[in-house]
Amino acid sequence: MKKLLLVALLAIFPPSVYPFAFDNSVLMLRCPGRETIEVILHRYEHTQETWGRDHFETGGGHRQRGSLVIFPFANLDSMVYDQMTQSFGFWYQREARFVHCRLLSLRNAWPVDLPVFLE
């Protein structure tokens, strides 16, 4: 009976907890066409993506459409996270194509308090 109640409650109230924080995470993704992409989600809705030896883009904010969370970047690329399937993808604007990515690693990027030295 308890299991049935739990299943019913989860069906009515789906979990709203994201598997990662949108303001303090570092994701490493394996994506076709770019190999490894590092995405850093900073505080204040600042984002950045790096790949290859010399590719770096910044972005800001995210928007949600249903279960999809979209993180846009200045070069018009977008990282797409599907909350239902917990999968990632990337829209490459220059090539006008969408690719599915594999999550390689995920870690928190907590702010660090720097010491203050008074003279």
PDB file of N, CA and C in Angstrom:
ATOM      1  N   MET A   1       0.821  -1.195   0.000  1.00  0.00           N
ATOM      2  CA  MET A   1       0.000   0.000   0.000  1.00  0.00           C
ATOM      3  C   MET A   1       0.866   1.261   0.000  1.00  0.00           C
ATOM      4  N   LYS A   2       1.956   1.250   0.787  1.00  0.00           N
ATOM      5  CA  LYS A   2       2.831   2.417   0.838  1.00  0.00           C
ATOM      6  C   LYS A   2       3.502   2.658  -0.507  1.00  0.00           C
ATOM      7  N   LYS A   3       3.895   1.562  -1.186  1.00  0.00           N
ATOM      8  CA  LYS A   3       4.520   1.704  -2.504  1.00  0.00           C
ATOM      9  C   LYS A   3       3.543   2.316  -3.496  1.00  0.00           C
ATOM     10  N   LEU A   4       2.316   1.852  -3.460  1.00  0.00           N
ATOM     11  CA  LEU A   4       1.301   2.369  -4.370  1.00  0.00           C
ATOM     12  C   LEU A   4       1.067   3.854  -4.127  1.00  0.00           C
ATOM     13  N   LEU A   5       1.020   4.253  -2.875  1.00  0.00           N
ATOM     14  CA  LEU A   5       0.837   5.662  -2.531  1.00  0.00           C
ATOM     15  C   LEU A   5       2.022   6.498  -3.019  1.00  0.00           C
ATOM     16  N   LEU A   6       3.238   5.985  -2.841  1.00  0.00           N
ATOM     17  CA  LEU A   6       4.431   6.701  -3.297  1.00  0.00           C
ATOM     18  C   LEU A   6       4.424   6.867  -4.814  1.00  0.00           C
ATOM     19  N   VAL A   7       4.104   5.813  -5.532  1.00  0.00           N
ATOM     20  CA  VAL A   7       4.040   5.883  -6.999  1.00  0.00           C
ATOM     21  C   VAL A   7       2.976   6.882  -7.434  1.00  0.00           C
ATOM     22  N   ALA A   8       1.836   6.868  -6.784  1.00  0.00           N
ATOM     23  CA  ALA A   8       0.765   7.809  -7.129  1.00  0.00           C
ATOM     24  C   ALA A   8       1.192   9.247  -6.866  1.00  0.00           C
ATOM     25  N   LEU A   9       1.848   9.492  -5.738  1.00  0.00           N
ATOM     26  CA  LEU A   9       2.304  10.849  -5.430  1.00  0.00           C
ATOM     27  C   LEU A   9       3.364  11.327  -6.410  1.00  0.00           C
ATOM     28  N   LEU A  10       4.285  10.442  -6.791  1.00  0.00           N
ATOM     29  CA  LEU A  10       5.310  10.830  -7.765  1.00  0.00           C
ATOM     30  C   LEU A  10       4.715  11.103  -9.140  1.00  0.00           C
ATOM     31  N   ALA A  11       3.646  10.399  -9.482  1.00  0.00           N
ATOM     32  CA  ALA A  11       2.985  10.647 -10.762  1.00  0.00           C
ATOM     33  C   ALA A  11       2.266  11.990 -10.760  1.00  0.00           C
ATOM     34  N   ILE A  12       1.688  12.343  -9.619  1.00  0.00           N
ATOM     35  CA  ILE A  12       0.959  13.609  -9.518  1.00  0.00           C
ATOM     36  C   ILE A  12       1.912  14.778  -9.355  1.00  0.00           C
ATOM     37  N   PHE A  13       2.921  14.612  -8.510  1.00  0.00           N
ATOM     38  CA  PHE A  13       3.901  15.671  -8.231  1.00  0.00           C
ATOM     39  C   PHE A  13       5.284  15.198  -8.662  1.00  0.00           C
ATOM     40  N   PRO A  14       5.638  15.380  -9.931  1.00  0.00           N
ATOM     41  CA  PRO A  14       6.953  14.912 -10.374  1.00  0.00           C
ATOM     42  C   PRO A  14       8.058  15.662  -9.659  1.00  0.00           C
ATOM     43  N   PRO A  15       9.198  15.024  -9.484  1.00  0.00           N
ATOM     44  CA  PRO A  15      10.296  15.689  -8.787  1.00  0.00           C
ATOM     45  C   PRO A  15      10.719  16.948  -9.524  1.00  0.00           C
ATOM     46  N   SER A  16      10.888  18.029  -8.784  1.00  0.00           N
ATOM     47  CA  SER A  16      11.285  19.289  -9.412  1.00  0.00           C
ATOM     48  C   SER A  16      12.744  19.604  -9.127  1.00  0.00           C
ATOM     49  N   VAL A  17      13.463  18.640  -8.600  1.00  0.00           N
ATOM     50  CA  VAL A  17      14.866  18.856  -8.274  1.00  0.00           C
ATOM     51  C   VAL A  17      15.702  18.529  -9.497  1.00  0.00           C
ATOM     52  N   TYR A  18      16.526  19.463  -9.896  1.00  0.00           N
ATOM     53  CA  TYR A  18      17.415  19.235 -11.024  1.00  0.00           C
ATOM     54  C   TYR A  18      18.594  18.395 -10.553  1.00  0.00           C
ATOM     55  N   PRO A  19      19.148  17.544 -11.421  1.00  0.00           N
ATOM     56  CA  PRO A  19      20.299  16.753 -10.997  1.00  0.00           C
ATOM     57  C   PRO A  19      21.565  17.590 -10.878  1.00  0.00           C
ATOM     58  N   PHE A  20      21.510  18.834 -11.304  1.00  0.00           N
ATOM     59  CA  PHE A  20      22.643  19.736 -11.136  1.00  0.00           C
ATOM     60  C   PHE A  20      22.110  21.147 -10.968  1.00  0.00           C
ATOM     61  N   ALA A  21      22.899  21.984 -10.333  1.00  0.00           N
ATOM     62  CA  ALA A  21      22.487  23.367 -10.088  1.00  0.00           C
ATOM     63  C   ALA A  21      22.764  24.204 -11.328  1.00  0.00           C
ATOM     64  N   PHE A  22      21.822  25.040 -11.694  1.00  0.00           N
ATOM     65  CA  PHE A  22      21.973  25.878 -12.880  1.00  0.00           C
ATOM     66  C   PHE A  22      22.869  27.080 -12.621  1.00  0.00           C
ATOM     67  N   ASP A  23      23.383  27.230 -11.415  1.00  0.00           N
ATOM     68  CA  ASP A  23      24.210  28.405 -11.132  1.00  0.00           C
ATOM     69  C   ASP A  23      25.565  28.063 -10.524  1.00  0.00           C
ATOM     70  N   ASN A  24      25.952  26.806 -10.531  1.00  0.00           N
ATOM     71  CA  ASN A  24      27.272  26.482  -9.980  1.00  0.00           C
ATOM     72  C   ASN A  24      27.751  25.105 -10.411  1.00  0.00           C
ATOM     73  N   SER A  25      27.651  24.796 -11.701  1.00  0.00           N
ATOM     74  CA  SER A  25      28.034  23.470 -12.181  1.00  0.00           C
ATOM     75  C   SER A  25      29.031  23.552 -13.327  1.00  0.00           C
ATOM     76  N   VAL A  26      29.881  22.541 -13.384  1.00  0.00           N
ATOM     77  CA  VAL A  26      30.811  22.375 -14.501  1.00  0.00           C
ATOM     78  C   VAL A  26      30.478  21.033 -15.146  1.00  0.00           C
ATOM     79  N   LEU A  27      30.103  21.079 -16.426  1.00  0.00           N
ATOM     80  CA  LEU A  27      29.733  19.874 -17.154  1.00  0.00           C
ATOM     81  C   LEU A  27      30.756  19.606 -18.245  1.00  0.00           C
ATOM     82  N   MET A  28      31.125  18.359 -18.406  1.00  0.00           N
ATOM     83  CA  MET A  28      31.952  17.933 -19.532  1.00  0.00           C
ATOM     84  C   MET A  28      31.071  17.039 -20.388  1.00  0.00           C
ATOM     85  N   LEU A  29      30.904  17.424 -21.648  1.00  0.00           N
ATOM     86  CA  LEU A  29      30.041  16.695 -22.566  1.00  0.00           C
ATOM     87  C   LEU A  29      30.846  16.195 -23.756  1.00  0.00           C
ATOM     88  N   ARG A  30      30.528  15.007 -24.233  1.00  0.00           N
ATOM     89  CA  ARG A  30      31.109  14.491 -25.472  1.00  0.00           C
ATOM     90  C   ARG A  30      30.048  14.685 -26.544  1.00  0.00           C
ATOM     91  N   CYS A  31      30.366  15.545 -27.514  1.00  0.00           N
ATOM     92  CA  CYS A  31      29.402  15.908 -28.547  1.00  0.00           C
ATOM     93  C   CYS A  31      30.014  15.697 -29.932  1.00  0.00           C
ATOM     94  N   PRO A  32      29.286  15.090 -30.857  1.00  0.00           N
ATOM     95  CA  PRO A  32      29.793  14.924 -32.216  1.00  0.00           C
ATOM     96  C   PRO A  32      30.158  16.272 -32.834  1.00  0.00           C
ATOM     97  N   GLY A  33      31.265  16.297 -33.547  1.00  0.00           N
ATOM     98  CA  GLY A  33      31.690  17.516 -34.229  1.00  0.00           C
ATOM     99  C   GLY A  33      32.598  18.407 -33.411  1.00  0.00           C
ATOM    100  N   ARG A  34      32.578  18.264 -32.098  1.00  0.00           N
ATOM    101  CA  ARG A  34      33.427  19.098 -31.243  1.00  0.00           C
ATOM    102  C   ARG A  34      34.150  18.291 -30.182  1.00  0.00           C
ATOM    103  N   GLU A  35      33.957  17.021 -30.177  1.00  0.00           N
ATOM    104  CA  GLU A  35      34.557  16.157 -29.166  1.00  0.00           C
ATOM    105  C   GLU A  35      34.105  16.568 -27.771  1.00  0.00           C
ATOM    106  N   THR A  36      34.985  17.126 -26.966  1.00  0.00           N
ATOM    107  CA  THR A  36      34.634  17.465 -25.587  1.00  0.00           C
ATOM    108  C   THR A  36      34.308  18.948 -25.463  1.00  0.00           C
ATOM    109  N   ILE A  37      33.146  19.237 -24.899  1.00  0.00           N
ATOM    110  CA  ILE A  37      32.728  20.613 -24.624  1.00  0.00           C
ATOM    111  C   ILE A  37      32.623  20.760 -23.110  1.00  0.00           C
ATOM    112  N   GLU A  38      33.279  21.791 -22.579  1.00  0.00           N
ATOM    113  CA  GLU A  38      33.144  22.103 -21.156  1.00  0.00           C
ATOM    114  C   GLU A  38      32.169  23.268 -21.033  1.00  0.00           C
ATOM    115  N   VAL A  39      31.140  23.077 -20.244  1.00  0.00           N
ATOM    116  CA  VAL A  39      30.147  24.123 -20.006  1.00  0.00           C
ATOM    117  C   VAL A  39      30.182  24.462 -18.523  1.00  0.00           C
ATOM    118  N   ILE A  40      30.342  25.748 -18.228  1.00  0.00           N
ATOM    119  CA  ILE A  40      30.341  26.202 -16.841  1.00  0.00           C
ATOM    120  C   ILE A  40      29.138  27.108 -16.641  1.00  0.00           C
ATOM    121  N   LEU A  41      28.319  26.756 -15.670  1.00  0.00           N
ATOM    122  CA  LEU A  41      27.150  27.554 -15.315  1.00  0.00           C
ATOM    123  C   LEU A  41      27.501  28.303 -14.037  1.00  0.00           C
ATOM    124  N   HIS A  42      27.708  29.604 -14.170  1.00  0.00           N
ATOM    125  CA  HIS A  42      28.128  30.440 -13.050  1.00  0.00           C
ATOM    126  C   HIS A  42      26.914  31.039 -12.348  1.00  0.00           C
ATOM    127  N   ARG A  43      27.193  31.710 -11.271  1.00  0.00           N
ATOM    128  CA  ARG A  43      26.149  32.496 -10.611  1.00  0.00           C
ATOM    129  C   ARG A  43      25.712  33.629 -11.521  1.00  0.00           C
ATOM    130  N   TYR A  44      24.617  34.222 -11.193  1.00  0.00           N
ATOM    131  CA  TYR A  44      24.064  35.370 -11.918  1.00  0.00           C
ATOM    132  C   TYR A  44      23.768  35.025 -13.373  1.00  0.00           C
ATOM    133  N   GLU A  45      23.470  33.753 -13.634  1.00  0.00           N
ATOM    134  CA  GLU A  45      23.065  33.264 -14.946  1.00  0.00           C
ATOM    135  C   GLU A  45      24.093  33.520 -16.038  1.00  0.00           C
ATOM    136  N   HIS A  46      25.358  33.554 -15.698  1.00  0.00           N
ATOM    137  CA  HIS A  46      26.432  33.654 -16.685  1.00  0.00           C
ATOM    138  C   HIS A  46      26.871  32.238 -17.044  1.00  0.00           C
ATOM    139  N   THR A  47      27.032  31.971 -18.341  1.00  0.00           N
ATOM    140  CA  THR A  47      27.474  30.653 -18.788  1.00  0.00           C
ATOM    141  C   THR A  47      28.668  30.805 -19.717  1.00  0.00           C
ATOM    142  N   GLN A  48      29.418  29.732 -19.849  1.00  0.00           N
ATOM    143  CA  GLN A  48      30.504  29.734 -20.823  1.00  0.00           C
ATOM    144  C   GLN A  48      30.691  28.330 -21.359  1.00  0.00           C
ATOM    145  N   GLU A  49      31.140  28.255 -22.607  1.00  0.00           N
ATOM    146  CA  GLU A  49      31.455  26.974 -23.223  1.00  0.00           C
ATOM    147  C   GLU A  49      32.840  27.065 -23.845  1.00  0.00           C
ATOM    148  N   THR A  50      33.603  25.989 -23.730  1.00  0.00           N
ATOM    149  CA  THR A  50      34.912  25.911 -24.366  1.00  0.00           C
ATOM    150  C   THR A  50      35.035  24.546 -25.027  1.00  0.00           C
ATOM    151  N   TRP A  51      35.728  24.525 -26.158  1.00  0.00           N
ATOM    152  CA  TRP A  51      36.018  23.272 -26.837  1.00  0.00           C
ATOM    153  C   TRP A  51      37.247  23.477 -27.714  1.00  0.00           C
ATOM    154  N   GLY A  52      37.889  22.391 -28.033  1.00  0.00           N
ATOM    155  CA  GLY A  52      39.093  22.483 -28.855  1.00  0.00           C
ATOM    156  C   GLY A  52      40.191  23.246 -28.134  1.00  0.00           C
ATOM    157  N   ARG A  53      41.102  23.797 -28.919  1.00  0.00           N
ATOM    158  CA  ARG A  53      42.234  24.518 -28.325  1.00  0.00           C
ATOM    159  C   ARG A  53      41.943  25.993 -28.090  1.00  0.00           C
ATOM    160  N   ASP A  54      41.100  26.584 -28.929  1.00  0.00           N
ATOM    161  CA  ASP A  54      40.944  28.041 -28.837  1.00  0.00           C
ATOM    162  C   ASP A  54      39.516  28.526 -29.060  1.00  0.00           C
ATOM    163  N   HIS A  55      38.539  27.713 -28.716  1.00  0.00           N
ATOM    164  CA  HIS A  55      37.144  28.126 -28.877  1.00  0.00           C
ATOM    165  C   HIS A  55      36.538  28.403 -27.505  1.00  0.00           C
ATOM    166  N   PHE A  56      35.978  29.594 -27.356  1.00  0.00           N
ATOM    167  CA  PHE A  56      35.417  30.028 -26.082  1.00  0.00           C
ATOM    168  C   PHE A  56      34.235  30.945 -26.372  1.00  0.00           C
ATOM    169  N   GLU A  57      33.115  30.685 -25.751  1.00  0.00           N
ATOM    170  CA  GLU A  57      31.932  31.534 -25.903  1.00  0.00           C
ATOM    171  C   GLU A  57      31.285  31.745 -24.541  1.00  0.00           C
ATOM    172  N   THR A  58      30.646  32.880 -24.394  1.00  0.00           N
ATOM    173  CA  THR A  58      29.898  33.169 -23.174  1.00  0.00           C
ATOM    174  C   THR A  58      28.412  33.247 -23.508  1.00  0.00           C
ATOM    175  N   GLY A  59      27.613  33.194 -22.485  1.00  0.00           N
ATOM    176  CA  GLY A  59      26.179  33.313 -22.655  1.00  0.00           C
ATOM    177  C   GLY A  59      25.560  33.777 -21.356  1.00  0.00           C
ATOM    178  N   GLY A  60      24.251  33.875 -21.372  1.00  0.00           N
ATOM    179  CA  GLY A  60      23.575  34.313 -20.168  1.00  0.00           C
ATOM    180  C   GLY A  60      22.163  33.783 -20.095  1.00  0.00           C
ATOM    181  N   GLY A  61      21.811  33.351 -18.913  1.00  0.00           N
ATOM    182  CA  GLY A  61      20.443  32.928 -18.656  1.00  0.00           C
ATOM    183  C   GLY A  61      20.110  31.573 -19.248  1.00  0.00           C
ATOM    184  N   HIS A  62      18.881  31.200 -19.051  1.00  0.00           N
ATOM    185  CA  HIS A  62      18.332  29.997 -19.657  1.00  0.00           C
ATOM    186  C   HIS A  62      16.821  30.177 -19.755  1.00  0.00           C
ATOM    187  N   ARG A  63      16.220  29.445 -20.647  1.00  0.00           N
ATOM    188  CA  ARG A  63      14.759  29.484 -20.774  1.00  0.00           C
ATOM    189  C   ARG A  63      14.248  28.045 -20.783  1.00  0.00           C
ATOM    190  N   GLN A  64      13.009  27.899 -20.408  1.00  0.00           N
ATOM    191  CA  GLN A  64      12.436  26.568 -20.304  1.00  0.00           C
ATOM    192  C   GLN A  64      11.236  26.450 -21.223  1.00  0.00           C
ATOM    193  N   ARG A  65      11.181  25.336 -21.930  1.00  0.00           N
ATOM    194  CA  ARG A  65      10.036  25.004 -22.782  1.00  0.00           C
ATOM    195  C   ARG A  65       9.660  23.566 -22.473  1.00  0.00           C
ATOM    196  N   GLY A  66       8.620  23.402 -21.685  1.00  0.00           N
ATOM    197  CA  GLY A  66       8.242  22.064 -21.248  1.00  0.00           C
ATOM    198  C   GLY A  66       9.346  21.480 -20.388  1.00  0.00           C
ATOM    199  N   SER A  67       9.805  20.288 -20.748  1.00  0.00           N
ATOM    200  CA  SER A  67      10.879  19.653 -19.974  1.00  0.00           C
ATOM    201  C   SER A  67      12.264  20.073 -20.458  1.00  0.00           C
ATOM    202  N   LEU A  68      12.326  20.898 -21.506  1.00  0.00           N
ATOM    203  CA  LEU A  68      13.614  21.325 -22.048  1.00  0.00           C
ATOM    204  C   LEU A  68      14.089  22.619 -21.398  1.00  0.00           C
ATOM    205  N   VAL A  69      15.360  22.645 -21.008  1.00  0.00           N
ATOM    206  CA  VAL A  69      15.999  23.859 -20.505  1.00  0.00           C
ATOM    207  C   VAL A  69      17.073  24.216 -21.524  1.00  0.00           C
ATOM    208  N   ILE A  70      17.008  25.438 -22.052  1.00  0.00           N
ATOM    209  CA  ILE A  70      17.885  25.864 -23.137  1.00  0.00           C
ATOM    210  C   ILE A  70      18.814  26.958 -22.626  1.00  0.00           C
ATOM    211  N   PHE A  71      20.119  26.744 -22.817  1.00  0.00           N
ATOM    212  CA  PHE A  71      21.154  27.691 -22.402  1.00  0.00           C
ATOM    213  C   PHE A  71      21.779  28.290 -23.661  1.00  0.00           C
ATOM    214  N   PRO A  72      21.444  29.539 -24.021  1.00  0.00           N
ATOM    215  CA  PRO A  72      21.993  30.143 -25.244  1.00  0.00           C
ATOM    216  C   PRO A  72      23.384  30.741 -25.015  1.00  0.00           C
ATOM    217  N   PHE A  73      24.172  30.772 -26.094  1.00  0.00           N
ATOM    218  CA  PHE A  73      25.509  31.359 -26.060  1.00  0.00           C
ATOM    219  C   PHE A  73      25.604  32.475 -27.095  1.00  0.00           C
ATOM    220  N   ALA A  74      26.633  33.306 -26.975  1.00  0.00           N
ATOM    221  CA  ALA A  74      26.787  34.489 -27.830  1.00  0.00           C
ATOM    222  C   ALA A  74      26.938  34.134 -29.308  1.00  0.00           C
ATOM    223  N   ASN A  75      27.498  32.969 -29.622  1.00  0.00           N
ATOM    224  CA  ASN A  75      27.652  32.570 -31.023  1.00  0.00           C
ATOM    225  C   ASN A  75      26.393  31.907 -31.571  1.00  0.00           C
ATOM    226  N   LEU A  76      25.302  31.994 -30.821  1.00  0.00           N
ATOM    227  CA  LEU A  76      23.984  31.450 -31.148  1.00  0.00           C
ATOM    228  C   LEU A  76      23.901  29.930 -31.020  1.00  0.00           C
ATOM    229  N   ASP A  77      24.941  29.279 -30.493  1.00  0.00           N
ATOM    230  CA  ASP A  77      24.833  27.875 -30.098  1.00  0.00           C
ATOM    231  C   ASP A  77      23.910  27.806 -28.890  1.00  0.00           C
ATOM    232  N   SER A  78      23.367  26.633 -28.632  1.00  0.00           N
ATOM    233  CA  SER A  78      22.551  26.425 -27.435  1.00  0.00           C
ATOM    234  C   SER A  78      22.792  25.030 -26.892  1.00  0.00           C
ATOM    235  N   MET A  79      22.980  24.947 -25.580  1.00  0.00           N
ATOM    236  CA  MET A  79      22.986  23.649 -24.921  1.00  0.00           C
ATOM    237  C   MET A  79      21.550  23.380 -24.491  1.00  0.00           C
ATOM    238  N   VAL A  80      21.079  22.178 -24.754  1.00  0.00           N
ATOM    239  CA  VAL A  80      19.708  21.804 -24.418  1.00  0.00           C
ATOM    240  C   VAL A  80      19.762  20.650 -23.425  1.00  0.00           C
ATOM    241  N   TYR A  81      19.063  20.822 -22.317  1.00  0.00           N
ATOM    242  CA  TYR A  81      18.977  19.781 -21.301  1.00  0.00           C
ATOM    243  C   TYR A  81      17.525  19.348 -21.182  1.00  0.00           C
ATOM    244  N   ASP A  82      17.270  18.056 -21.349  1.00  0.00           N
ATOM    245  CA  ASP A  82      15.918  17.508 -21.217  1.00  0.00           C
ATOM    246  C   ASP A  82      15.774  16.944 -19.808  1.00  0.00           C
ATOM    247  N   GLN A  83      14.951  17.600 -18.995  1.00  0.00           N
ATOM    248  CA  GLN A  83      14.776  17.183 -17.605  1.00  0.00           C
ATOM    249  C   GLN A  83      14.105  15.825 -17.484  1.00  0.00           C
ATOM    250  N   MET A  84      13.266  15.480 -18.443  1.00  0.00           N
ATOM    251  CA  MET A  84      12.564  14.193 -18.366  1.00  0.00           C
ATOM    252  C   MET A  84      13.514  13.024 -18.566  1.00  0.00           C
ATOM    253  N   THR A  85      14.365  13.131 -19.566  1.00  0.00           N
ATOM    254  CA  THR A  85      15.283  12.032 -19.877  1.00  0.00           C
ATOM    255  C   THR A  85      16.665  12.253 -19.279  1.00  0.00           C
ATOM    256  N   GLN A  86      16.899  13.435 -18.705  1.00  0.00           N
ATOM    257  CA  GLN A  86      18.192  13.837 -18.155  1.00  0.00           C
ATOM    258  C   GLN A  86      19.297  13.682 -19.199  1.00  0.00           C
ATOM    259  N   SER A  87      18.976  14.102 -20.430  1.00  0.00           N
ATOM    260  CA  SER A  87      19.944  14.012 -21.521  1.00  0.00           C
ATOM    261  C   SER A  87      20.299  15.408 -22.017  1.00  0.00           C
ATOM    262  N   PHE A  88      21.438  15.486 -22.701  1.00  0.00           N
ATOM    263  CA  PHE A  88      21.963  16.756 -23.186  1.00  0.00           C
ATOM    264  C   PHE A  88      22.090  16.734 -24.702  1.00  0.00           C
ATOM    265  N   GLY A  89      21.986  17.905 -25.276  1.00  0.00           N
ATOM    266  CA  GLY A  89      22.220  18.070 -26.699  1.00  0.00           C
ATOM    267  C   GLY A  89      22.769  19.457 -26.950  1.00  0.00           C
ATOM    268  N   PHE A  90      23.264  19.674 -28.164  1.00  0.00           N
ATOM    269  CA  PHE A  90      23.783  20.984 -28.540  1.00  0.00           C
ATOM    270  C   PHE A  90      23.259  21.354 -29.909  1.00  0.00           C
ATOM    271  N   TRP A  91      22.841  22.594 -30.033  1.00  0.00           N
ATOM    272  CA  TRP A  91      22.498  23.170 -31.327  1.00  0.00           C
ATOM    273  C   TRP A  91      23.712  23.967 -31.776  1.00  0.00           C
ATOM    274  N   TYR A  92      24.301  23.548 -32.920  1.00  0.00           N
ATOM    275  CA  TYR A  92      25.425  24.269 -33.511  1.00  0.00           C
ATOM    276  C   TYR A  92      24.863  25.211 -34.564  1.00  0.00           C
ATOM    277  N   GLN A  93      24.856  26.489 -34.273  1.00  0.00           N
ATOM    278  CA  GLN A  93      24.256  27.463 -35.180  1.00  0.00           C
ATOM    279  C   GLN A  93      24.981  27.513 -36.526  1.00  0.00           C
ATOM    280  N   ARG A  94      26.298  27.514 -36.501  1.00  0.00           N
ATOM    281  CA  ARG A  94      27.063  27.641 -37.749  1.00  0.00           C
ATOM    282  C   ARG A  94      26.743  26.507 -38.722  1.00  0.00           C
ATOM    283  N   GLU A  95      26.618  25.276 -38.194  1.00  0.00           N
ATOM    284  CA  GLU A  95      26.296  24.128 -39.049  1.00  0.00           C
ATOM    285  C   GLU A  95      24.797  23.901 -39.174  1.00  0.00           C
ATOM    286  N   ALA A  96      24.018  24.651 -38.408  1.00  0.00           N
ATOM    287  CA  ALA A  96      22.557  24.507 -38.384  1.00  0.00           C
ATOM    288  C   ALA A  96      22.157  23.052 -38.152  1.00  0.00           C
ATOM    289  N   ARG A  97      22.710  22.467 -37.079  1.00  0.00           N
ATOM    290  CA  ARG A  97      22.346  21.083 -36.757  1.00  0.00           C
ATOM    291  C   ARG A  97      22.334  20.866 -35.249  1.00  0.00           C
ATOM    292  N   PHE A  98      21.524  19.881 -34.862  1.00  0.00           N
ATOM    293  CA  PHE A  98      21.403  19.494 -33.459  1.00  0.00           C
ATOM    294  C   PHE A  98      22.077  18.146 -33.270  1.00  0.00           C
ATOM    295  N   VAL A  99      22.871  18.026 -32.205  1.00  0.00           N
ATOM    296  CA  VAL A  99      23.531  16.754 -31.900  1.00  0.00           C
ATOM    297  C   VAL A  99      23.211  16.348 -30.464  1.00  0.00           C
ATOM    298  N   HIS A 100      23.156  15.058 -30.243  1.00  0.00           N
ATOM    299  CA  HIS A 100      22.984  14.524 -28.892  1.00  0.00           C
ATOM    300  C   HIS A 100      24.359  14.353 -28.268  1.00  0.00           C
ATOM    301  N   CYS A 101      24.473  14.695 -26.999  1.00  0.00           N
ATOM    302  CA  CYS A 101      25.752  14.649 -26.293  1.00  0.00           C
ATOM    303  C   CYS A 101      25.673  13.665 -25.129  1.00  0.00           C
ATOM    304  N   ARG A 102      26.835  13.179 -24.745  1.00  0.00           N
ATOM    305  CA  ARG A 102      26.934  12.269 -23.604  1.00  0.00           C
ATOM    306  C   ARG A 102      27.623  13.003 -22.463  1.00  0.00           C
ATOM    307  N   LEU A 103      27.040  12.927 -21.283  1.00  0.00           N
ATOM    308  CA  LEU A 103      27.620  13.561 -20.102  1.00  0.00           C
ATOM    309  C   LEU A 103      28.822  12.744 -19.640  1.00  0.00           C
ATOM    310  N   LEU A 104      30.002  13.383 -19.632  1.00  0.00           N
ATOM    311  CA  LEU A 104      31.222  12.723 -19.166  1.00  0.00           C
ATOM    312  C   LEU A 104      31.445  12.947 -17.681  1.00  0.00           C
ATOM    313  N   SER A 105      31.211  14.172 -17.231  1.00  0.00           N
ATOM    314  CA  SER A 105      31.379  14.464 -15.807  1.00  0.00           C
ATOM    315  C   SER A 105      30.562  15.684 -15.425  1.00  0.00           C
ATOM    316  N   LEU A 106      30.297  15.763 -14.148  1.00  0.00           N
ATOM    317  CA  LEU A 106      29.522  16.865 -13.590  1.00  0.00           C
ATOM    318  C   LEU A 106      30.069  17.131 -12.196  1.00  0.00           C
ATOM    319  N   ARG A 107      30.375  18.380 -11.917  1.00  0.00           N
ATOM    320  CA  ARG A 107      30.847  18.722 -10.575  1.00  0.00           C
ATOM    321  C   ARG A 107      30.354  20.113 -10.205  1.00  0.00           C
ATOM    322  N   ASN A 108      30.312  20.358  -8.921  1.00  0.00           N
ATOM    323  CA  ASN A 108      29.919  21.675  -8.430  1.00  0.00           C
ATOM    324  C   ASN A 108      31.088  22.637  -8.548  1.00  0.00           C
ATOM    325  N   ALA A 109      30.770  23.882  -8.769  1.00  0.00           N
ATOM    326  CA  ALA A 109      31.782  24.943  -8.850  1.00  0.00           C
ATOM    327  C   ALA A 109      31.431  26.003  -7.819  1.00  0.00           C
ATOM    328  N   TRP A 110      31.590  25.656  -6.576  1.00  0.00           N
ATOM    329  CA  TRP A 110      31.233  26.576  -5.509  1.00  0.00           C
ATOM    330  C   TRP A 110      32.188  27.756  -5.479  1.00  0.00           C
ATOM    331  N   PRO A 111      31.689  28.934  -5.148  1.00  0.00           N
ATOM    332  CA  PRO A 111      32.572  30.097  -5.029  1.00  0.00           C
ATOM    333  C   PRO A 111      33.578  29.893  -3.900  1.00  0.00           C
ATOM    334  N   VAL A 112      34.729  30.455  -4.077  1.00  0.00           N
ATOM    335  CA  VAL A 112      35.797  30.329  -3.087  1.00  0.00           C
ATOM    336  C   VAL A 112      36.012  31.680  -2.432  1.00  0.00           C
ATOM    337  N   ASP A 113      36.055  31.692  -1.110  1.00  0.00           N
ATOM    338  CA  ASP A 113      36.366  32.926  -0.390  1.00  0.00           C
ATOM    339  C   ASP A 113      37.871  33.143  -0.428  1.00  0.00           C
ATOM    340  N   LEU A 114      38.282  34.253  -1.000  1.00  0.00           N
ATOM    341  CA  LEU A 114      39.699  34.576  -1.078  1.00  0.00           C
ATOM    342  C   LEU A 114      40.124  35.321   0.179  1.00  0.00           C
ATOM    343  N   PRO A 115      41.326  35.051   0.653  1.00  0.00           N
ATOM    344  CA  PRO A 115      41.790  35.751   1.853  1.00  0.00           C
ATOM    345  C   PRO A 115      42.054  37.228   1.561  1.00  0.00           C
ATOM    346  N   VAL A 116      41.863  38.040   2.561  1.00  0.00           N
ATOM    347  CA  VAL A 116      42.129  39.478   2.453  1.00  0.00           C
ATOM    348  C   VAL A 116      43.336  39.789   3.322  1.00  0.00           C
ATOM    349  N   PHE A 117      44.321  40.440   2.731  1.00  0.00           N
ATOM    350  CA  PHE A 117      45.533  40.811   3.464  1.00  0.00           C
ATOM    351  C   PHE A 117      45.550  42.319   3.650  1.00  0.00           C
ATOM    352  N   LEU A 118      45.517  42.753   4.872  1.00  0.00           N
ATOM    353  CA  LEU A 118      45.565  44.182   5.166  1.00  0.00           C
ATOM    354  C   LEU A 118      47.017  44.602   5.343  1.00  0.00           C
ATOM    355  N   GLU A 119      47.360  45.725   4.773  1.00  0.00           N
ATOM    356  CA  GLU A 119      48.748  46.204   4.884  1.00  0.00           C
ATOM    357  C   GLU A 119      48.895  47.188   6.007  1.00  0.00           C
TER     358      GLU A 119
END
